[in-house]
């Protein structure tokens, strides 16, 4: 990963890792399946950094929102499972739910869908957002 970042113009002395993420994500050839040394995808890294513009950019460029990566403690999860844990303002959750390929039936390591995870954590607004998205998908 480090070699790729350097090849794509990342600054090895940069403190802000979002710069390196941006360099890889905006290269002429997009490497969507690049993962960090701990197994996180570009999308999970952008979400973890709360870098909304990069999340939007990666999704617009075709990044798979359902690709699993290791976001915390070696637990593989999708971007929606990951973001449910901390997106208090729900901006990134909405971006993911608006993606036409989002899989609301994907399961995390505990065999929970995003809706079940939100219910377990008592996240009323997120539950409403997922349920609204589910209904709109049924209308298609």
N, C-alpha and C. Protein backbone atom coordinates (compact mmCIF):
# COMPACT_ATOMS: atom_id res chain seq x y z
N UNK A 1 0.83 -1.19 0.00
CA UNK A 1 0.00 0.00 0.00
C UNK A 1 0.87 1.24 0.00
N UNK A 2 1.89 1.27 0.85
CA UNK A 2 2.76 2.44 0.91
C UNK A 2 3.44 2.71 -0.42
N UNK A 3 3.91 1.66 -1.07
CA UNK A 3 4.58 1.83 -2.35
C UNK A 3 3.62 2.44 -3.37
N UNK A 4 2.38 1.96 -3.39
CA UNK A 4 1.38 2.49 -4.32
C UNK A 4 1.10 3.96 -4.04
N UNK A 5 0.97 4.31 -2.77
CA UNK A 5 0.73 5.70 -2.41
C UNK A 5 1.87 6.59 -2.89
N UNK A 6 3.09 6.14 -2.72
CA UNK A 6 4.24 6.93 -3.16
C UNK A 6 4.27 7.02 -4.69
N UNK A 7 3.95 5.94 -5.37
CA UNK A 7 3.94 5.96 -6.83
C UNK A 7 2.89 6.93 -7.37
N UNK A 8 1.81 7.09 -6.65
CA UNK A 8 0.72 7.96 -7.08
C UNK A 8 0.87 9.38 -6.56
N UNK A 9 1.99 9.71 -5.95
CA UNK A 9 2.25 11.08 -5.55
C UNK A 9 1.98 11.39 -4.09
N UNK A 10 1.70 10.39 -3.28
CA UNK A 10 1.48 10.62 -1.85
C UNK A 10 2.75 11.14 -1.19
N UNK A 11 2.59 12.03 -0.25
CA UNK A 11 3.72 12.61 0.47
C UNK A 11 4.05 11.73 1.67
N UNK A 12 5.26 11.13 1.71
CA UNK A 12 5.59 10.25 2.82
C UNK A 12 5.70 10.98 4.15
N UNK A 13 5.78 12.30 4.11
CA UNK A 13 5.88 13.08 5.34
C UNK A 13 4.56 13.70 5.76
N UNK A 14 3.51 13.43 5.00
CA UNK A 14 2.21 14.04 5.29
C UNK A 14 1.67 13.50 6.60
N UNK A 15 1.07 14.38 7.38
CA UNK A 15 0.44 13.97 8.63
C UNK A 15 -0.98 13.52 8.36
N UNK A 16 -1.64 14.17 7.41
CA UNK A 16 -3.02 13.88 7.09
C UNK A 16 -3.09 12.76 6.06
N UNK A 17 -3.55 11.59 6.47
CA UNK A 17 -3.59 10.45 5.55
C UNK A 17 -4.63 10.64 4.46
N UNK A 18 -5.56 11.59 4.62
CA UNK A 18 -6.55 11.83 3.58
C UNK A 18 -5.90 12.29 2.28
N UNK A 19 -4.75 12.99 2.37
CA UNK A 19 -4.05 13.42 1.17
C UNK A 19 -3.61 12.21 0.36
N UNK A 20 -3.05 11.23 1.02
CA UNK A 20 -2.62 10.02 0.32
C UNK A 20 -3.82 9.30 -0.27
N UNK A 21 -4.92 9.24 0.46
CA UNK A 21 -6.15 8.60 -0.02
C UNK A 21 -6.64 9.33 -1.26
N UNK A 22 -6.59 10.65 -1.23
CA UNK A 22 -7.05 11.44 -2.36
C UNK A 22 -6.17 11.18 -3.57
N UNK A 23 -4.86 11.09 -3.38
CA UNK A 23 -3.93 10.85 -4.49
C UNK A 23 -4.24 9.52 -5.17
N UNK A 24 -4.50 8.47 -4.40
CA UNK A 24 -4.81 7.18 -4.99
C UNK A 24 -6.17 7.21 -5.65
N UNK A 25 -7.15 7.81 -4.99
CA UNK A 25 -8.51 7.83 -5.50
C UNK A 25 -8.70 8.67 -6.74
N UNK A 26 -7.82 9.63 -6.99
CA UNK A 26 -7.99 10.50 -8.15
C UNK A 26 -6.94 10.26 -9.22
N UNK A 27 -6.21 9.18 -9.11
CA UNK A 27 -5.21 8.85 -10.13
C UNK A 27 -5.93 8.55 -11.45
N UNK A 28 -5.19 8.57 -12.54
CA UNK A 28 -5.79 8.27 -13.84
C UNK A 28 -6.40 6.87 -13.84
N UNK A 29 -5.72 5.94 -13.22
CA UNK A 29 -6.24 4.58 -13.08
C UNK A 29 -6.65 4.42 -11.63
N UNK A 30 -7.91 4.14 -11.41
CA UNK A 30 -8.40 4.04 -10.04
C UNK A 30 -8.19 2.63 -9.52
N UNK A 31 -7.58 2.51 -8.36
CA UNK A 31 -7.31 1.23 -7.73
C UNK A 31 -8.29 1.04 -6.59
N UNK A 32 -9.50 0.62 -6.93
CA UNK A 32 -10.53 0.51 -5.92
C UNK A 32 -10.31 -0.63 -4.93
N UNK A 33 -9.55 -1.61 -5.32
CA UNK A 33 -9.40 -2.77 -4.45
C UNK A 33 -8.14 -2.71 -3.60
N UNK A 34 -7.52 -1.54 -3.53
CA UNK A 34 -6.38 -1.34 -2.66
C UNK A 34 -6.88 -1.37 -1.22
N UNK A 35 -6.15 -2.07 -0.38
CA UNK A 35 -6.51 -2.11 1.04
C UNK A 35 -5.31 -1.71 1.86
N UNK A 36 -5.58 -1.14 3.00
CA UNK A 36 -4.51 -0.75 3.92
C UNK A 36 -3.89 -2.00 4.53
N UNK A 37 -2.81 -1.83 5.25
CA UNK A 37 -2.13 -2.98 5.85
C UNK A 37 -3.03 -3.72 6.84
N UNK A 38 -4.03 -3.03 7.38
CA UNK A 38 -4.95 -3.70 8.30
C UNK A 38 -6.19 -4.23 7.60
N UNK A 39 -6.26 -4.10 6.26
CA UNK A 39 -7.36 -4.68 5.50
C UNK A 39 -8.52 -3.76 5.21
N UNK A 40 -8.40 -2.48 5.50
CA UNK A 40 -9.50 -1.54 5.24
C UNK A 40 -9.49 -1.11 3.78
N UNK A 41 -10.67 -0.99 3.19
CA UNK A 41 -10.79 -0.52 1.82
C UNK A 41 -10.63 1.01 1.78
N UNK A 42 -10.47 1.55 0.57
CA UNK A 42 -10.41 3.01 0.43
C UNK A 42 -11.67 3.65 0.99
N UNK A 43 -12.81 3.04 0.71
CA UNK A 43 -14.07 3.59 1.18
C UNK A 43 -14.16 3.57 2.70
N UNK A 44 -13.76 2.48 3.32
CA UNK A 44 -13.77 2.43 4.78
C UNK A 44 -12.82 3.46 5.38
N UNK A 45 -11.66 3.65 4.75
CA UNK A 45 -10.73 4.67 5.24
C UNK A 45 -11.34 6.06 5.15
N UNK A 46 -11.99 6.36 4.04
CA UNK A 46 -12.62 7.67 3.87
C UNK A 46 -13.74 7.87 4.88
N UNK A 47 -14.52 6.83 5.11
CA UNK A 47 -15.61 6.90 6.09
C UNK A 47 -15.04 7.09 7.49
N UNK A 48 -14.02 6.33 7.83
CA UNK A 48 -13.40 6.44 9.15
C UNK A 48 -12.81 7.82 9.40
N UNK A 49 -12.34 8.47 8.33
CA UNK A 49 -11.79 9.82 8.45
C UNK A 49 -12.90 10.88 8.40
N UNK A 50 -14.13 10.42 8.21
CA UNK A 50 -15.30 11.31 8.09
C UNK A 50 -15.10 12.32 6.95
N UNK A 51 -14.53 11.82 5.86
CA UNK A 51 -14.17 12.62 4.70
C UNK A 51 -15.30 12.46 3.68
N UNK A 52 -16.39 13.21 3.89
CA UNK A 52 -17.60 13.07 3.07
C UNK A 52 -17.35 13.24 1.58
N UNK A 53 -16.53 14.23 1.23
CA UNK A 53 -16.27 14.49 -0.19
C UNK A 53 -15.60 13.30 -0.85
N UNK A 54 -14.68 12.66 -0.15
CA UNK A 54 -14.01 11.49 -0.71
C UNK A 54 -14.96 10.30 -0.80
N UNK A 55 -15.81 10.13 0.20
CA UNK A 55 -16.80 9.04 0.14
C UNK A 55 -17.67 9.23 -1.10
N UNK A 56 -18.17 10.44 -1.30
CA UNK A 56 -19.01 10.74 -2.46
C UNK A 56 -18.25 10.49 -3.76
N UNK A 57 -17.01 10.95 -3.81
CA UNK A 57 -16.19 10.78 -5.01
C UNK A 57 -15.98 9.29 -5.32
N UNK A 58 -15.60 8.52 -4.32
CA UNK A 58 -15.36 7.09 -4.54
C UNK A 58 -16.62 6.38 -5.02
N UNK A 59 -17.76 6.72 -4.45
CA UNK A 59 -19.02 6.11 -4.88
C UNK A 59 -19.35 6.51 -6.31
N UNK A 60 -19.15 7.79 -6.64
CA UNK A 60 -19.41 8.26 -8.01
C UNK A 60 -18.50 7.58 -9.03
N UNK A 61 -17.30 7.23 -8.62
CA UNK A 61 -16.34 6.60 -9.52
C UNK A 61 -16.53 5.09 -9.63
N UNK A 62 -17.49 4.55 -8.92
CA UNK A 62 -17.81 3.14 -9.05
C UNK A 62 -17.34 2.23 -7.93
N UNK A 63 -16.87 2.79 -6.83
CA UNK A 63 -16.44 1.97 -5.69
C UNK A 63 -17.64 1.18 -5.18
N UNK A 64 -17.43 -0.08 -4.92
CA UNK A 64 -18.51 -0.96 -4.45
C UNK A 64 -18.78 -0.69 -2.97
N UNK A 65 -19.97 -0.18 -2.63
CA UNK A 65 -20.26 0.12 -1.23
C UNK A 65 -20.44 -1.14 -0.38
N UNK A 66 -20.55 -2.29 -1.05
CA UNK A 66 -20.78 -3.55 -0.33
C UNK A 66 -19.50 -4.36 -0.12
N UNK A 67 -18.38 -3.87 -0.67
CA UNK A 67 -17.12 -4.61 -0.50
C UNK A 67 -16.73 -4.61 0.98
N UNK A 68 -16.45 -5.79 1.49
CA UNK A 68 -16.08 -5.90 2.90
C UNK A 68 -14.60 -5.63 3.10
N UNK A 69 -14.32 -5.00 4.19
CA UNK A 69 -12.94 -4.74 4.59
C UNK A 69 -12.88 -4.81 6.10
N UNK A 70 -11.69 -4.74 6.63
CA UNK A 70 -11.51 -4.80 8.07
C UNK A 70 -11.41 -3.38 8.61
N UNK A 71 -12.45 -2.96 9.28
CA UNK A 71 -12.52 -1.58 9.76
C UNK A 71 -12.09 -1.44 11.20
N UNK A 72 -12.29 -2.45 11.98
CA UNK A 72 -11.94 -2.36 13.40
C UNK A 72 -11.74 -3.75 13.97
N UNK A 73 -10.71 -3.89 14.75
CA UNK A 73 -10.44 -5.13 15.46
C UNK A 73 -10.55 -6.38 14.61
N UNK A 74 -10.17 -6.27 13.34
CA UNK A 74 -10.16 -7.43 12.47
C UNK A 74 -11.52 -7.96 12.09
N UNK A 75 -12.56 -7.15 12.27
CA UNK A 75 -13.91 -7.59 11.94
C UNK A 75 -14.28 -7.14 10.54
N UNK A 76 -14.46 -8.08 9.59
CA UNK A 76 -14.84 -7.67 8.24
C UNK A 76 -16.26 -7.12 8.23
N UNK A 77 -16.44 -6.00 7.53
CA UNK A 77 -17.77 -5.39 7.46
C UNK A 77 -17.89 -4.54 6.21
N UNK A 78 -19.13 -4.27 5.84
CA UNK A 78 -19.39 -3.37 4.72
C UNK A 78 -19.31 -1.93 5.23
N UNK A 79 -19.30 -1.02 4.28
CA UNK A 79 -19.23 0.40 4.65
C UNK A 79 -20.46 0.83 5.44
N UNK A 80 -21.64 0.30 5.12
CA UNK A 80 -22.85 0.68 5.86
C UNK A 80 -22.80 0.17 7.30
N UNK A 81 -22.35 -1.05 7.50
CA UNK A 81 -22.21 -1.56 8.87
C UNK A 81 -21.24 -0.68 9.66
N UNK A 82 -20.15 -0.29 9.02
CA UNK A 82 -19.13 0.51 9.70
C UNK A 82 -19.65 1.89 10.06
N UNK A 83 -20.27 2.56 9.12
CA UNK A 83 -20.68 3.95 9.34
C UNK A 83 -21.82 4.07 10.36
N UNK A 84 -22.61 3.05 10.51
CA UNK A 84 -23.71 3.09 11.49
C UNK A 84 -23.17 3.35 12.89
N UNK A 85 -21.96 2.94 13.14
CA UNK A 85 -21.39 3.07 14.48
C UNK A 85 -21.08 4.51 14.90
N UNK A 86 -20.96 5.45 13.95
CA UNK A 86 -20.52 6.78 14.39
C UNK A 86 -21.02 7.97 13.59
N UNK A 87 -21.79 7.80 12.55
CA UNK A 87 -22.22 8.94 11.73
C UNK A 87 -23.43 9.61 12.38
N UNK A 88 -23.16 10.43 13.39
CA UNK A 88 -24.24 11.07 14.15
C UNK A 88 -25.11 11.99 13.30
N UNK A 89 -24.51 12.60 12.28
CA UNK A 89 -25.26 13.52 11.43
C UNK A 89 -25.92 12.82 10.25
N UNK A 90 -25.60 11.57 10.04
CA UNK A 90 -26.23 10.71 9.04
C UNK A 90 -25.95 11.09 7.59
N UNK A 91 -24.97 11.96 7.33
CA UNK A 91 -24.67 12.36 5.96
C UNK A 91 -24.13 11.19 5.14
N UNK A 92 -23.17 10.48 5.69
CA UNK A 92 -22.56 9.37 4.95
C UNK A 92 -23.54 8.20 4.86
N UNK A 93 -24.31 7.97 5.90
CA UNK A 93 -25.32 6.91 5.85
C UNK A 93 -26.27 7.18 4.69
N UNK A 94 -26.71 8.42 4.55
CA UNK A 94 -27.63 8.78 3.46
C UNK A 94 -26.97 8.55 2.10
N UNK A 95 -25.70 8.94 1.97
CA UNK A 95 -24.99 8.71 0.70
C UNK A 95 -25.00 7.22 0.34
N UNK A 96 -24.71 6.39 1.33
CA UNK A 96 -24.67 4.95 1.07
C UNK A 96 -26.05 4.40 0.76
N UNK A 97 -27.05 4.84 1.50
CA UNK A 97 -28.41 4.36 1.25
C UNK A 97 -28.93 4.81 -0.11
N UNK A 98 -28.45 5.95 -0.60
CA UNK A 98 -28.87 6.45 -1.91
C UNK A 98 -28.17 5.73 -3.06
N UNK A 99 -27.13 4.96 -2.75
CA UNK A 99 -26.40 4.25 -3.81
C UNK A 99 -27.28 3.14 -4.37
N UNK A 100 -27.41 3.06 -5.69
CA UNK A 100 -28.33 2.07 -6.29
C UNK A 100 -27.95 0.61 -6.04
N UNK A 101 -26.71 0.35 -5.67
CA UNK A 101 -26.28 -1.04 -5.47
C UNK A 101 -26.12 -1.42 -3.99
N UNK A 102 -26.56 -0.57 -3.08
CA UNK A 102 -26.39 -0.88 -1.66
C UNK A 102 -27.17 -2.15 -1.31
N UNK A 103 -26.53 -3.03 -0.59
CA UNK A 103 -27.14 -4.30 -0.19
C UNK A 103 -27.56 -4.20 1.27
N UNK A 104 -28.86 -4.05 1.48
CA UNK A 104 -29.38 -3.92 2.84
C UNK A 104 -29.50 -5.27 3.54
N UNK A 105 -29.25 -6.34 2.81
CA UNK A 105 -29.34 -7.68 3.41
C UNK A 105 -27.97 -8.26 3.74
N UNK A 106 -26.90 -7.50 3.46
CA UNK A 106 -25.56 -8.00 3.80
C UNK A 106 -25.45 -8.15 5.31
N UNK A 107 -24.62 -9.10 5.72
CA UNK A 107 -24.50 -9.38 7.15
C UNK A 107 -23.06 -9.17 7.60
N UNK A 108 -22.92 -8.73 8.83
CA UNK A 108 -21.59 -8.56 9.41
C UNK A 108 -21.16 -9.86 10.08
N UNK A 109 -20.08 -9.80 10.81
CA UNK A 109 -19.52 -10.99 11.46
C UNK A 109 -20.50 -11.60 12.47
N UNK A 110 -21.38 -10.77 13.02
CA UNK A 110 -22.37 -11.26 13.98
C UNK A 110 -23.66 -11.70 13.30
N UNK A 111 -23.61 -11.80 11.95
CA UNK A 111 -24.76 -12.21 11.14
C UNK A 111 -25.92 -11.22 11.25
N UNK A 112 -25.59 -9.92 11.38
CA UNK A 112 -26.62 -8.89 11.48
C UNK A 112 -26.63 -8.03 10.22
N UNK A 113 -27.83 -7.72 9.73
CA UNK A 113 -27.96 -6.78 8.63
C UNK A 113 -27.76 -5.36 9.18
N UNK A 114 -27.58 -4.37 8.32
CA UNK A 114 -27.48 -2.99 8.83
C UNK A 114 -28.69 -2.59 9.67
N UNK A 115 -29.88 -3.00 9.26
CA UNK A 115 -31.08 -2.67 10.03
C UNK A 115 -31.03 -3.31 11.42
N UNK A 116 -30.65 -4.57 11.48
CA UNK A 116 -30.57 -5.25 12.77
C UNK A 116 -29.51 -4.61 13.67
N UNK A 117 -28.41 -4.18 13.08
CA UNK A 117 -27.36 -3.50 13.85
C UNK A 117 -27.89 -2.19 14.42
N UNK A 118 -28.58 -1.42 13.59
CA UNK A 118 -29.15 -0.14 14.06
C UNK A 118 -30.19 -0.39 15.15
N UNK A 119 -31.00 -1.43 15.00
CA UNK A 119 -32.00 -1.75 16.02
C UNK A 119 -31.33 -2.15 17.32
N UNK A 120 -30.30 -2.95 17.23
CA UNK A 120 -29.57 -3.40 18.43
C UNK A 120 -28.98 -2.21 19.19
N UNK A 121 -28.54 -1.19 18.43
CA UNK A 121 -27.93 -0.02 19.06
C UNK A 121 -28.94 1.08 19.37
N UNK A 122 -30.22 0.84 19.09
CA UNK A 122 -31.26 1.81 19.41
C UNK A 122 -31.16 3.11 18.62
N UNK A 123 -30.75 3.01 17.38
CA UNK A 123 -30.54 4.19 16.55
C UNK A 123 -31.80 4.47 15.71
N UNK A 124 -32.75 5.15 16.32
CA UNK A 124 -34.07 5.37 15.74
C UNK A 124 -34.02 6.03 14.37
N UNK A 125 -33.26 7.08 14.21
CA UNK A 125 -33.18 7.80 12.94
C UNK A 125 -32.61 6.90 11.85
N UNK A 126 -31.58 6.14 12.16
CA UNK A 126 -30.96 5.24 11.18
C UNK A 126 -31.95 4.14 10.80
N UNK A 127 -32.67 3.63 11.77
CA UNK A 127 -33.70 2.60 11.50
C UNK A 127 -34.72 3.15 10.50
N UNK A 128 -35.19 4.38 10.75
CA UNK A 128 -36.16 5.01 9.84
C UNK A 128 -35.58 5.17 8.44
N UNK A 129 -34.32 5.60 8.36
CA UNK A 129 -33.70 5.81 7.06
C UNK A 129 -33.59 4.49 6.28
N UNK A 130 -33.19 3.43 6.96
CA UNK A 130 -33.05 2.13 6.29
C UNK A 130 -34.42 1.61 5.87
N UNK A 131 -35.41 1.74 6.75
CA UNK A 131 -36.75 1.26 6.41
C UNK A 131 -37.33 2.04 5.23
N UNK A 132 -37.12 3.35 5.19
CA UNK A 132 -37.58 4.16 4.05
C UNK A 132 -36.89 3.71 2.77
N UNK A 133 -35.61 3.44 2.85
CA UNK A 133 -34.86 2.99 1.69
C UNK A 133 -35.37 1.63 1.22
N UNK A 134 -35.69 0.74 2.15
CA UNK A 134 -36.20 -0.58 1.81
C UNK A 134 -37.52 -0.48 1.06
N UNK A 135 -38.39 0.41 1.52
CA UNK A 135 -39.69 0.59 0.88
C UNK A 135 -39.51 1.14 -0.53
N UNK A 136 -38.60 2.12 -0.70
CA UNK A 136 -38.40 2.69 -2.03
C UNK A 136 -37.80 1.66 -2.98
N UNK A 137 -36.98 0.75 -2.49
CA UNK A 137 -36.42 -0.31 -3.33
C UNK A 137 -37.51 -1.28 -3.78
N UNK A 138 -38.50 -1.52 -2.93
CA UNK A 138 -39.60 -2.41 -3.29
C UNK A 138 -40.47 -1.81 -4.39
N UNK A 139 -40.51 -0.47 -4.46
CA UNK A 139 -41.32 0.21 -5.47
C UNK A 139 -40.71 0.12 -6.87
N UNK A 140 -39.44 -0.26 -6.98
CA UNK A 140 -38.78 -0.29 -8.29
C UNK A 140 -39.31 -1.36 -9.18
